[in-house]
Amino acid sequence: MKGFVAGIKSLAEGNRDFRRVLYTGQHLQLVLMSLEPGDDIGEEVHADHDQFFRIEKGKGEIWINGICTMVRHDDAFIVPAGARHNLVNTGEKTLKVYTIYGPPDHRDGVVRRTKSAAMAEPEAFDGQTSEPRP
């Protein structure tokens, strides 16, 4: 096993895809996201998943169970399992984010260039991780 080691800031800032799954472990999953001005991730609830977010570039607002908080570069936040949430890019530039799901939520290695592509082809985690299990 080698795990995942990389410069997450440069990876997040260089990402142009709405969703890019970088690494999937047995209990956590690392995903890059890029939101154009005015875009959002789409309101959602993960019944059994906690989700950590870190804003690497840009600004926006995070809605968690109807409460809005402004977020910007260097901010981090956690959405607990069962919370209705949505992240919205309120800035004039692309919002660059990385997020960690626990447990994994998406198929390993999935890349969705746009939000519409992600909505058209949902991909639930299928149990496959980035590395073989020991």
N, C-alpha and C. Protein backbone atom coordinates (compact mmCIF):
# COMPACT_ATOMS: atom_id res chain seq x y z
N MET A 1 0.83 -1.19 0.00
CA MET A 1 0.00 0.00 0.00
C MET A 1 0.87 1.25 0.00
N LYS A 2 0.47 2.21 -0.77
CA LYS A 2 1.24 3.44 -0.83
C LYS A 2 0.47 4.64 -0.31
N GLY A 3 -0.86 4.54 -0.19
CA GLY A 3 -1.65 5.68 0.27
C GLY A 3 -1.68 6.78 -0.78
N PHE A 4 -1.90 8.00 -0.33
CA PHE A 4 -1.97 9.14 -1.24
C PHE A 4 -1.18 10.29 -0.65
N VAL A 5 -0.19 10.75 -1.40
CA VAL A 5 0.63 11.89 -0.97
C VAL A 5 0.77 12.82 -2.17
N ALA A 6 0.35 14.07 -2.01
CA ALA A 6 0.45 15.03 -3.12
C ALA A 6 0.21 16.44 -2.59
N GLY A 7 0.57 17.42 -3.38
CA GLY A 7 0.31 18.82 -3.05
C GLY A 7 -1.14 19.14 -3.34
N ILE A 8 -2.00 19.00 -2.33
CA ILE A 8 -3.44 19.14 -2.54
C ILE A 8 -3.84 20.54 -2.99
N LYS A 9 -3.14 21.55 -2.52
CA LYS A 9 -3.46 22.93 -2.92
C LYS A 9 -3.30 23.10 -4.43
N SER A 10 -2.17 22.67 -4.97
CA SER A 10 -1.95 22.83 -6.42
C SER A 10 -2.89 21.93 -7.22
N LEU A 11 -3.18 20.74 -6.72
CA LEU A 11 -4.13 19.87 -7.42
C LEU A 11 -5.52 20.50 -7.46
N ALA A 12 -5.96 21.02 -6.32
CA ALA A 12 -7.29 21.64 -6.26
C ALA A 12 -7.36 22.88 -7.14
N GLU A 13 -6.34 23.72 -7.06
CA GLU A 13 -6.35 24.95 -7.86
C GLU A 13 -6.26 24.66 -9.36
N GLY A 14 -5.61 23.58 -9.75
CA GLY A 14 -5.48 23.23 -11.16
C GLY A 14 -6.64 22.43 -11.72
N ASN A 15 -7.52 21.96 -10.86
CA ASN A 15 -8.65 21.14 -11.30
C ASN A 15 -9.68 21.98 -12.06
N ARG A 16 -10.13 21.47 -13.20
CA ARG A 16 -11.15 22.16 -13.99
C ARG A 16 -12.45 21.37 -14.07
N ASP A 17 -12.47 20.22 -13.42
CA ASP A 17 -13.64 19.35 -13.48
C ASP A 17 -14.60 19.62 -12.33
N PHE A 18 -15.88 19.48 -12.60
CA PHE A 18 -16.88 19.63 -11.54
C PHE A 18 -16.58 18.65 -10.40
N ARG A 19 -16.29 17.40 -10.76
CA ARG A 19 -15.95 16.39 -9.76
C ARG A 19 -14.85 15.48 -10.29
N ARG A 20 -13.81 15.28 -9.49
CA ARG A 20 -12.71 14.38 -9.84
C ARG A 20 -12.33 13.60 -8.58
N VAL A 21 -12.59 12.29 -8.59
CA VAL A 21 -12.24 11.45 -7.45
C VAL A 21 -10.76 11.11 -7.54
N LEU A 22 -9.98 11.58 -6.56
CA LEU A 22 -8.53 11.37 -6.56
C LEU A 22 -8.10 10.08 -5.90
N TYR A 23 -8.72 9.76 -4.78
CA TYR A 23 -8.29 8.59 -4.02
C TYR A 23 -9.46 8.07 -3.19
N THR A 24 -9.59 6.75 -3.20
CA THR A 24 -10.64 6.10 -2.42
C THR A 24 -10.02 5.04 -1.53
N GLY A 25 -10.17 5.24 -0.23
CA GLY A 25 -9.76 4.24 0.75
C GLY A 25 -10.97 3.46 1.22
N GLN A 26 -10.76 2.60 2.19
CA GLN A 26 -11.88 1.82 2.71
C GLN A 26 -12.87 2.68 3.48
N HIS A 27 -12.38 3.75 4.12
CA HIS A 27 -13.24 4.55 4.98
C HIS A 27 -13.33 6.02 4.60
N LEU A 28 -12.43 6.51 3.75
CA LEU A 28 -12.42 7.91 3.32
C LEU A 28 -12.22 8.02 1.82
N GLN A 29 -12.68 9.15 1.26
CA GLN A 29 -12.50 9.39 -0.17
C GLN A 29 -12.17 10.86 -0.40
N LEU A 30 -11.14 11.12 -1.21
CA LEU A 30 -10.69 12.47 -1.52
C LEU A 30 -11.18 12.86 -2.92
N VAL A 31 -11.87 14.00 -3.00
CA VAL A 31 -12.49 14.44 -4.25
C VAL A 31 -12.19 15.92 -4.47
N LEU A 32 -11.82 16.29 -5.70
CA LEU A 32 -11.66 17.69 -6.09
C LEU A 32 -12.96 18.16 -6.74
N MET A 33 -13.30 19.44 -6.52
CA MET A 33 -14.46 20.03 -7.17
C MET A 33 -14.11 21.43 -7.66
N SER A 34 -14.74 21.81 -8.77
CA SER A 34 -14.55 23.13 -9.35
C SER A 34 -15.93 23.66 -9.73
N LEU A 35 -16.30 24.83 -9.17
CA LEU A 35 -17.60 25.42 -9.44
C LEU A 35 -17.43 26.77 -10.12
N GLU A 36 -18.06 26.93 -11.26
CA GLU A 36 -18.02 28.20 -11.97
C GLU A 36 -18.88 29.23 -11.22
N PRO A 37 -18.66 30.53 -11.47
CA PRO A 37 -19.46 31.56 -10.80
C PRO A 37 -20.96 31.29 -10.96
N GLY A 38 -21.68 31.34 -9.85
CA GLY A 38 -23.12 31.10 -9.85
C GLY A 38 -23.52 29.64 -9.74
N ASP A 39 -22.59 28.72 -9.94
CA ASP A 39 -22.90 27.29 -9.84
C ASP A 39 -22.94 26.84 -8.39
N ASP A 40 -23.56 25.67 -8.20
CA ASP A 40 -23.59 25.05 -6.88
C ASP A 40 -23.38 23.55 -7.04
N ILE A 41 -23.20 22.86 -5.91
CA ILE A 41 -23.01 21.41 -6.00
C ILE A 41 -24.35 20.69 -6.12
N GLY A 42 -25.42 21.39 -5.80
CA GLY A 42 -26.74 20.78 -5.80
C GLY A 42 -27.11 20.37 -4.39
N GLU A 43 -28.28 20.78 -3.94
CA GLU A 43 -28.70 20.44 -2.58
C GLU A 43 -28.76 18.92 -2.43
N GLU A 44 -28.20 18.43 -1.33
CA GLU A 44 -28.14 16.98 -1.12
C GLU A 44 -28.09 16.65 0.36
N VAL A 45 -28.37 15.38 0.65
CA VAL A 45 -28.26 14.84 2.00
C VAL A 45 -27.55 13.50 1.88
N HIS A 46 -26.51 13.30 2.67
CA HIS A 46 -25.83 12.01 2.75
C HIS A 46 -26.21 11.40 4.09
N ALA A 47 -27.12 10.45 4.07
CA ALA A 47 -27.64 9.88 5.32
C ALA A 47 -26.56 9.26 6.19
N ASP A 48 -25.58 8.62 5.56
CA ASP A 48 -24.57 7.87 6.31
C ASP A 48 -23.15 8.38 6.08
N HIS A 49 -23.00 9.59 5.56
CA HIS A 49 -21.68 10.12 5.24
C HIS A 49 -21.45 11.47 5.90
N ASP A 50 -20.33 11.62 6.58
CA ASP A 50 -19.86 12.93 6.99
C ASP A 50 -19.04 13.47 5.81
N GLN A 51 -18.97 14.80 5.67
CA GLN A 51 -18.22 15.37 4.55
C GLN A 51 -17.46 16.61 5.00
N PHE A 52 -16.15 16.60 4.76
CA PHE A 52 -15.26 17.72 5.05
C PHE A 52 -15.01 18.48 3.76
N PHE A 53 -15.01 19.81 3.81
CA PHE A 53 -14.69 20.66 2.67
C PHE A 53 -13.58 21.62 3.05
N ARG A 54 -12.73 21.95 2.07
CA ARG A 54 -11.74 23.02 2.24
C ARG A 54 -11.76 23.85 0.96
N ILE A 55 -11.89 25.17 1.12
CA ILE A 55 -11.88 26.10 -0.01
C ILE A 55 -10.43 26.49 -0.28
N GLU A 56 -9.94 26.17 -1.46
CA GLU A 56 -8.57 26.54 -1.82
C GLU A 56 -8.51 27.85 -2.59
N LYS A 57 -9.60 28.18 -3.29
CA LYS A 57 -9.61 29.40 -4.10
C LYS A 57 -11.05 29.83 -4.32
N GLY A 58 -11.31 31.13 -4.14
CA GLY A 58 -12.64 31.65 -4.40
C GLY A 58 -13.43 31.90 -3.13
N LYS A 59 -14.73 32.17 -3.35
CA LYS A 59 -15.62 32.41 -2.22
C LYS A 59 -17.02 31.91 -2.55
N GLY A 60 -17.78 31.68 -1.50
CA GLY A 60 -19.13 31.18 -1.71
C GLY A 60 -19.91 31.16 -0.42
N GLU A 61 -20.97 30.36 -0.43
CA GLU A 61 -21.75 30.17 0.77
C GLU A 61 -22.08 28.70 0.92
N ILE A 62 -22.03 28.24 2.16
CA ILE A 62 -22.42 26.87 2.47
C ILE A 62 -23.75 26.93 3.22
N TRP A 63 -24.69 26.18 2.74
CA TRP A 63 -25.99 26.05 3.39
C TRP A 63 -26.02 24.70 4.08
N ILE A 64 -26.26 24.69 5.38
CA ILE A 64 -26.39 23.44 6.13
C ILE A 64 -27.68 23.53 6.94
N ASN A 65 -28.63 22.68 6.60
CA ASN A 65 -29.94 22.65 7.27
C ASN A 65 -30.56 24.04 7.37
N GLY A 66 -30.53 24.78 6.24
CA GLY A 66 -31.18 26.07 6.15
C GLY A 66 -30.39 27.25 6.69
N ILE A 67 -29.20 27.00 7.22
CA ILE A 67 -28.36 28.08 7.74
C ILE A 67 -27.24 28.36 6.75
N CYS A 68 -27.12 29.63 6.36
CA CYS A 68 -26.13 30.04 5.37
C CYS A 68 -24.92 30.68 6.06
N THR A 69 -23.73 30.24 5.65
CA THR A 69 -22.49 30.80 6.15
C THR A 69 -21.60 31.15 4.96
N MET A 70 -21.06 32.36 4.96
CA MET A 70 -20.14 32.76 3.90
C MET A 70 -18.80 32.05 4.12
N VAL A 71 -18.21 31.55 3.03
CA VAL A 71 -16.91 30.88 3.09
C VAL A 71 -16.02 31.43 2.00
N ARG A 72 -14.71 31.32 2.23
CA ARG A 72 -13.76 31.83 1.25
C ARG A 72 -12.46 31.04 1.36
N HIS A 73 -11.50 31.43 0.53
CA HIS A 73 -10.16 30.84 0.49
C HIS A 73 -9.66 30.55 1.91
N ASP A 74 -9.15 29.35 2.12
CA ASP A 74 -8.59 28.87 3.39
C ASP A 74 -9.62 28.43 4.41
N ASP A 75 -10.92 28.58 4.14
CA ASP A 75 -11.93 28.10 5.09
C ASP A 75 -12.15 26.60 4.91
N ALA A 76 -12.52 25.97 6.01
CA ALA A 76 -12.89 24.56 6.00
C ALA A 76 -14.17 24.40 6.79
N PHE A 77 -14.95 23.38 6.45
CA PHE A 77 -16.18 23.11 7.19
C PHE A 77 -16.54 21.65 7.03
N ILE A 78 -17.34 21.16 7.97
CA ILE A 78 -17.78 19.77 7.96
C ILE A 78 -19.30 19.74 7.94
N VAL A 79 -19.84 18.91 7.06
CA VAL A 79 -21.28 18.67 7.00
C VAL A 79 -21.52 17.29 7.61
N PRO A 80 -22.26 17.22 8.73
CA PRO A 80 -22.49 15.93 9.36
C PRO A 80 -23.50 15.09 8.58
N ALA A 81 -23.40 13.79 8.73
CA ALA A 81 -24.34 12.87 8.09
C ALA A 81 -25.77 13.30 8.42
N GLY A 82 -26.64 13.23 7.41
CA GLY A 82 -28.04 13.56 7.59
C GLY A 82 -28.39 15.02 7.40
N ALA A 83 -27.39 15.89 7.22
CA ALA A 83 -27.66 17.32 7.07
C ALA A 83 -27.90 17.67 5.60
N ARG A 84 -28.96 18.41 5.34
CA ARG A 84 -29.22 18.91 3.98
C ARG A 84 -28.24 20.06 3.74
N HIS A 85 -27.54 20.01 2.60
CA HIS A 85 -26.51 21.02 2.37
C HIS A 85 -26.35 21.35 0.89
N ASN A 86 -25.75 22.51 0.65
CA ASN A 86 -25.43 22.95 -0.70
C ASN A 86 -24.31 23.99 -0.61
N LEU A 87 -23.33 23.88 -1.49
CA LEU A 87 -22.25 24.84 -1.60
C LEU A 87 -22.46 25.64 -2.88
N VAL A 88 -22.47 26.97 -2.77
CA VAL A 88 -22.76 27.85 -3.90
C VAL A 88 -21.57 28.78 -4.13
N ASN A 89 -21.13 28.90 -5.39
CA ASN A 89 -20.08 29.86 -5.73
C ASN A 89 -20.73 31.23 -5.92
N THR A 90 -20.46 32.15 -5.00
CA THR A 90 -21.01 33.50 -5.08
C THR A 90 -20.00 34.50 -5.63
N GLY A 91 -18.82 34.03 -5.96
CA GLY A 91 -17.77 34.91 -6.45
C GLY A 91 -17.81 35.11 -7.95
N GLU A 92 -16.84 35.88 -8.44
CA GLU A 92 -16.73 36.15 -9.87
C GLU A 92 -15.72 35.24 -10.54
N LYS A 93 -15.04 34.41 -9.75
CA LYS A 93 -14.05 33.47 -10.28
C LYS A 93 -14.43 32.05 -9.87
N THR A 94 -13.77 31.08 -10.48
CA THR A 94 -14.05 29.68 -10.19
C THR A 94 -13.72 29.35 -8.74
N LEU A 95 -14.60 28.60 -8.10
CA LEU A 95 -14.41 28.14 -6.73
C LEU A 95 -13.71 26.79 -6.77
N LYS A 96 -12.56 26.68 -6.13
CA LYS A 96 -11.77 25.45 -6.12
C LYS A 96 -11.82 24.85 -4.72
N VAL A 97 -12.23 23.59 -4.65
CA VAL A 97 -12.51 22.94 -3.38
C VAL A 97 -11.95 21.52 -3.40
N TYR A 98 -11.54 21.03 -2.24
CA TYR A 98 -11.42 19.59 -2.10
C TYR A 98 -12.31 19.15 -0.96
N THR A 99 -12.81 17.94 -1.07
CA THR A 99 -13.73 17.42 -0.08
C THR A 99 -13.34 15.98 0.26
N ILE A 100 -13.61 15.60 1.48
CA ILE A 100 -13.33 14.24 1.94
C ILE A 100 -14.63 13.66 2.47
N TYR A 101 -15.03 12.54 1.88
CA TYR A 101 -16.22 11.82 2.32
C TYR A 101 -15.80 10.70 3.27
N GLY A 102 -16.58 10.47 4.28
CA GLY A 102 -16.35 9.33 5.15
C GLY A 102 -17.69 8.69 5.50
N PRO A 103 -17.97 7.52 4.98
CA PRO A 103 -17.19 6.68 4.06
C PRO A 103 -17.30 7.19 2.62
N PRO A 104 -16.61 6.51 1.67
CA PRO A 104 -16.64 6.92 0.27
C PRO A 104 -18.07 7.02 -0.27
N ASP A 105 -18.28 7.94 -1.21
CA ASP A 105 -19.60 8.16 -1.80
C ASP A 105 -19.64 7.90 -3.30
N HIS A 106 -18.51 8.06 -4.00
CA HIS A 106 -18.47 7.93 -5.45
C HIS A 106 -17.58 6.76 -5.87
N ARG A 107 -17.77 6.31 -7.10
CA ARG A 107 -16.89 5.28 -7.66
C ARG A 107 -15.47 5.82 -7.76
N ASP A 108 -14.50 5.00 -7.47
CA ASP A 108 -13.10 5.41 -7.53
C ASP A 108 -12.71 5.84 -8.94
N GLY A 109 -11.98 6.94 -9.04
CA GLY A 109 -11.46 7.40 -10.32
C GLY A 109 -12.43 8.15 -11.21
N VAL A 110 -13.66 8.33 -10.79
CA VAL A 110 -14.66 8.99 -11.62
C VAL A 110 -14.30 10.46 -11.84
N VAL A 111 -14.48 10.91 -13.08
CA VAL A 111 -14.30 12.32 -13.43
C VAL A 111 -15.57 12.76 -14.15
N ARG A 112 -16.17 13.83 -13.66
CA ARG A 112 -17.33 14.44 -14.32
C ARG A 112 -16.96 15.88 -14.62
N ARG A 113 -16.86 16.19 -15.88
CA ARG A 113 -16.41 17.51 -16.32
C ARG A 113 -17.35 18.63 -15.87
N THR A 114 -18.66 18.36 -15.93
CA THR A 114 -19.66 19.38 -15.60
C THR A 114 -20.67 18.84 -14.60
N LYS A 115 -21.40 19.75 -13.98
CA LYS A 115 -22.46 19.34 -13.06
C LYS A 115 -23.53 18.57 -13.81
N SER A 116 -23.88 19.02 -15.02
CA SER A 116 -24.92 18.32 -15.78
C SER A 116 -24.49 16.89 -16.10
N ALA A 117 -23.21 16.68 -16.39
CA ALA A 117 -22.71 15.32 -16.62
C ALA A 117 -22.80 14.49 -15.35
N ALA A 118 -22.49 15.10 -14.21
CA ALA A 118 -22.57 14.39 -12.93
C ALA A 118 -24.01 14.01 -12.60
N MET A 119 -24.95 14.89 -12.90
CA MET A 119 -26.36 14.60 -12.63
C MET A 119 -26.92 13.56 -13.60
N ALA A 120 -26.44 13.59 -14.84
CA ALA A 120 -26.92 12.66 -15.86
C ALA A 120 -26.40 11.24 -15.64
N GLU A 121 -25.21 11.13 -15.04
CA GLU A 121 -24.60 9.82 -14.81
C GLU A 121 -24.17 9.68 -13.36
N PRO A 122 -25.13 9.51 -12.44
CA PRO A 122 -24.73 9.35 -11.04
C PRO A 122 -23.92 8.08 -10.85
N GLU A 123 -22.96 8.13 -9.96
CA GLU A 123 -22.08 6.97 -9.77
C GLU A 123 -21.88 6.71 -8.28
N ALA A 124 -22.60 5.76 -7.76
CA ALA A 124 -22.48 5.41 -6.34
C ALA A 124 -21.22 4.58 -6.12
N PHE A 125 -20.65 4.71 -4.95
CA PHE A 125 -19.48 3.92 -4.57
C PHE A 125 -19.83 2.44 -4.69
N ASP A 126 -18.95 1.69 -5.35
CA ASP A 126 -19.20 0.27 -5.61
C ASP A 126 -18.31 -0.66 -4.79
N GLY A 127 -17.59 -0.12 -3.82
CA GLY A 127 -16.73 -0.94 -2.97
C GLY A 127 -15.30 -1.04 -3.43
N GLN A 128 -15.01 -0.58 -4.65
CA GLN A 128 -13.65 -0.64 -5.18
C GLN A 128 -12.83 0.54 -4.67
N THR A 129 -11.66 0.26 -4.13
CA THR A 129 -10.78 1.30 -3.61
C THR A 129 -9.63 1.56 -4.58
N SER A 130 -8.86 2.60 -4.32
CA SER A 130 -7.75 2.95 -5.20
C SER A 130 -6.63 1.91 -5.17
N GLU A 131 -6.52 1.20 -4.07
CA GLU A 131 -5.50 0.17 -3.92
C GLU A 131 -6.15 -1.12 -3.44
N PRO A 132 -5.54 -2.25 -3.77
CA PRO A 132 -6.09 -3.51 -3.28
C PRO A 132 -6.10 -3.53 -1.75
N ARG A 133 -7.11 -4.13 -1.20
CA ARG A 133 -7.16 -4.27 0.25
C ARG A 133 -6.14 -5.30 0.71
N PRO A 134 -5.56 -5.06 1.89
CA PRO A 134 -4.53 -6.00 2.39
C PRO A 134 -5.12 -7.36 2.72
